[in-house]
Amino acid sequence: MNIHTNYYMILCKFVHIYMDDKRLNVWHFALLLAILSLGYRQGQKQNIKAIHLKIMALSQIST
């Protein structure tokens, strides 16, 4: 199994969990996808190094 397959499986699992939790909204989804994107870019599977500004920029949320 290659790294792309692993990330695909993680993303699918995440989407199923997200869809089942009615408390989560589009803002949560954007933030979580930004964090997953950072992990993918860093080649990380467990420990993702992130800062607030980077996450907000990737999620396209302005505060």
N, C-alpha and C. Protein backbone atom coordinates (compact mmCIF):
# COMPACT_ATOMS: atom_id res chain seq x y z
N MET A 1 0.84 -1.17 0.00
CA MET A 1 0.00 0.00 0.00
C MET A 1 0.89 1.25 0.00
N ASN A 2 0.66 2.18 -0.91
CA ASN A 2 1.50 3.37 -0.96
C ASN A 2 0.91 4.49 -0.10
N ILE A 3 1.67 5.58 0.01
CA ILE A 3 1.27 6.69 0.88
C ILE A 3 -0.04 7.34 0.41
N HIS A 4 -0.28 7.40 -0.90
CA HIS A 4 -1.51 8.00 -1.40
C HIS A 4 -2.73 7.17 -1.03
N THR A 5 -2.60 5.87 -1.07
CA THR A 5 -3.70 4.99 -0.66
C THR A 5 -4.01 5.18 0.81
N ASN A 6 -2.97 5.29 1.64
CA ASN A 6 -3.18 5.51 3.07
C ASN A 6 -3.94 6.80 3.32
N TYR A 7 -3.53 7.89 2.66
CA TYR A 7 -4.23 9.16 2.85
C TYR A 7 -5.66 9.10 2.35
N TYR A 8 -5.88 8.39 1.26
CA TYR A 8 -7.24 8.23 0.75
C TYR A 8 -8.12 7.51 1.78
N MET A 9 -7.58 6.47 2.37
CA MET A 9 -8.35 5.71 3.37
C MET A 9 -8.63 6.56 4.60
N ILE A 10 -7.65 7.35 5.03
CA ILE A 10 -7.84 8.24 6.17
C ILE A 10 -8.91 9.27 5.85
N LEU A 11 -8.86 9.85 4.66
CA LEU A 11 -9.84 10.86 4.26
C LEU A 11 -11.24 10.27 4.20
N CYS A 12 -11.38 9.08 3.66
CA CYS A 12 -12.70 8.43 3.59
C CYS A 12 -13.25 8.17 4.98
N LYS A 13 -12.41 7.69 5.87
CA LYS A 13 -12.84 7.43 7.24
C LYS A 13 -13.27 8.74 7.92
N PHE A 14 -12.49 9.79 7.71
CA PHE A 14 -12.81 11.09 8.27
C PHE A 14 -14.16 11.60 7.77
N VAL A 15 -14.40 11.48 6.47
CA VAL A 15 -15.66 11.98 5.89
C VAL A 15 -16.86 11.22 6.47
N HIS A 16 -16.73 9.92 6.65
CA HIS A 16 -17.83 9.14 7.23
C HIS A 16 -18.12 9.57 8.67
N ILE A 17 -17.07 9.81 9.44
CA ILE A 17 -17.26 10.28 10.82
C ILE A 17 -17.92 11.65 10.80
N TYR A 18 -17.44 12.53 9.94
CA TYR A 18 -17.99 13.88 9.83
C TYR A 18 -19.47 13.85 9.48
N MET A 19 -19.84 13.02 8.53
CA MET A 19 -21.23 12.96 8.07
C MET A 19 -22.16 12.44 9.17
N ASP A 20 -21.65 11.62 10.06
CA ASP A 20 -22.48 11.05 11.12
C ASP A 20 -22.64 11.97 12.32
N ASP A 21 -21.83 13.02 12.43
CA ASP A 21 -21.88 13.91 13.59
C ASP A 21 -22.62 15.20 13.21
N LYS A 22 -23.83 15.34 13.66
CA LYS A 22 -24.67 16.49 13.30
C LYS A 22 -24.21 17.79 13.96
N ARG A 23 -23.31 17.71 14.94
CA ARG A 23 -22.81 18.92 15.59
C ARG A 23 -21.81 19.67 14.73
N LEU A 24 -21.20 18.99 13.78
CA LEU A 24 -20.16 19.61 12.96
C LEU A 24 -20.78 20.35 11.78
N ASN A 25 -20.20 21.50 11.48
CA ASN A 25 -20.70 22.29 10.35
C ASN A 25 -19.59 22.51 9.33
N VAL A 26 -19.85 23.34 8.35
CA VAL A 26 -18.92 23.56 7.25
C VAL A 26 -17.60 24.16 7.73
N TRP A 27 -17.63 24.96 8.80
CA TRP A 27 -16.40 25.56 9.32
C TRP A 27 -15.50 24.49 9.93
N HIS A 28 -16.08 23.55 10.64
CA HIS A 28 -15.31 22.44 11.18
C HIS A 28 -14.67 21.64 10.04
N PHE A 29 -15.45 21.40 9.02
CA PHE A 29 -14.98 20.63 7.88
C PHE A 29 -13.79 21.32 7.22
N ALA A 30 -13.89 22.63 7.02
CA ALA A 30 -12.81 23.39 6.40
C ALA A 30 -11.54 23.33 7.24
N LEU A 31 -11.67 23.47 8.55
CA LEU A 31 -10.51 23.42 9.43
C LEU A 31 -9.86 22.04 9.44
N LEU A 32 -10.67 21.02 9.52
CA LEU A 32 -10.14 19.67 9.56
C LEU A 32 -9.48 19.28 8.23
N LEU A 33 -10.05 19.71 7.12
CA LEU A 33 -9.41 19.45 5.83
C LEU A 33 -8.09 20.21 5.70
N ALA A 34 -8.02 21.41 6.25
CA ALA A 34 -6.77 22.17 6.23
C ALA A 34 -5.69 21.44 7.02
N ILE A 35 -6.06 20.88 8.16
CA ILE A 35 -5.10 20.13 8.98
C ILE A 35 -4.66 18.87 8.25
N LEU A 36 -5.60 18.16 7.65
CA LEU A 36 -5.23 16.96 6.87
C LEU A 36 -4.33 17.32 5.70
N SER A 37 -4.59 18.45 5.06
CA SER A 37 -3.77 18.91 3.95
C SER A 37 -2.34 19.19 4.41
N LEU A 38 -2.21 19.82 5.57
CA LEU A 38 -0.88 20.07 6.11
C LEU A 38 -0.14 18.76 6.37
N GLY A 39 -0.83 17.81 6.96
CA GLY A 39 -0.23 16.51 7.22
C GLY A 39 0.23 15.84 5.95
N TYR A 40 -0.57 15.92 4.91
CA TYR A 40 -0.22 15.33 3.62
C TYR A 40 1.03 16.00 3.05
N ARG A 41 1.06 17.33 3.10
CA ARG A 41 2.21 18.07 2.57
C ARG A 41 3.48 17.77 3.35
N GLN A 42 3.33 17.51 4.64
CA GLN A 42 4.48 17.22 5.49
C GLN A 42 4.87 15.74 5.43
N GLY A 43 4.05 14.92 4.79
CA GLY A 43 4.32 13.50 4.73
C GLY A 43 4.10 12.81 6.07
N GLN A 44 3.25 13.39 6.89
CA GLN A 44 3.00 12.87 8.23
C GLN A 44 1.75 12.02 8.26
N LYS A 45 1.76 11.01 9.11
CA LYS A 45 0.58 10.18 9.31
C LYS A 45 -0.03 10.42 10.68
N GLN A 46 0.79 10.86 11.65
CA GLN A 46 0.28 11.01 13.01
C GLN A 46 0.52 12.40 13.58
N ASN A 47 1.73 12.90 13.48
CA ASN A 47 2.08 14.19 14.08
C ASN A 47 2.13 15.27 13.01
N ILE A 48 1.20 16.19 13.09
CA ILE A 48 1.13 17.27 12.11
C ILE A 48 1.56 18.56 12.80
N LYS A 49 2.58 19.20 12.24
CA LYS A 49 3.06 20.46 12.79
C LYS A 49 2.28 21.58 12.12
N ALA A 50 1.57 22.37 12.93
CA ALA A 50 0.73 23.42 12.35
C ALA A 50 0.71 24.64 13.26
N ILE A 51 0.53 25.78 12.63
CA ILE A 51 0.31 27.01 13.38
C ILE A 51 -1.04 27.59 12.95
N HIS A 52 -1.60 28.37 13.82
CA HIS A 52 -2.93 28.94 13.62
C HIS A 52 -3.06 29.65 12.28
N LEU A 53 -2.10 30.51 11.95
CA LEU A 53 -2.20 31.29 10.70
C LEU A 53 -2.19 30.40 9.46
N LYS A 54 -1.39 29.37 9.48
CA LYS A 54 -1.32 28.46 8.33
C LYS A 54 -2.64 27.70 8.16
N ILE A 55 -3.19 27.22 9.25
CA ILE A 55 -4.45 26.48 9.20
C ILE A 55 -5.56 27.39 8.69
N MET A 56 -5.63 28.61 9.20
CA MET A 56 -6.68 29.52 8.79
C MET A 56 -6.54 29.89 7.30
N ALA A 57 -5.31 30.06 6.84
CA ALA A 57 -5.10 30.38 5.42
C ALA A 57 -5.52 29.22 4.53
N LEU A 58 -5.16 28.00 4.92
CA LEU A 58 -5.53 26.82 4.12
C LEU A 58 -7.03 26.57 4.12
N SER A 59 -7.68 26.88 5.23
CA SER A 59 -9.12 26.64 5.31
C SER A 59 -9.92 27.79 4.69
N GLN A 60 -9.22 28.85 4.34
CA GLN A 60 -9.82 30.05 3.74
C GLN A 60 -10.86 30.69 4.65
N ILE A 61 -10.54 30.67 5.95
CA ILE A 61 -11.39 31.33 6.95
C ILE A 61 -10.65 32.58 7.39
N SER A 62 -11.30 33.71 7.30
CA SER A 62 -10.68 34.93 7.76
C SER A 62 -11.30 35.35 9.10
N THR A 63 -10.43 35.77 10.01
CA THR A 63 -10.92 36.19 11.33
C THR A 63 -10.53 37.62 11.58
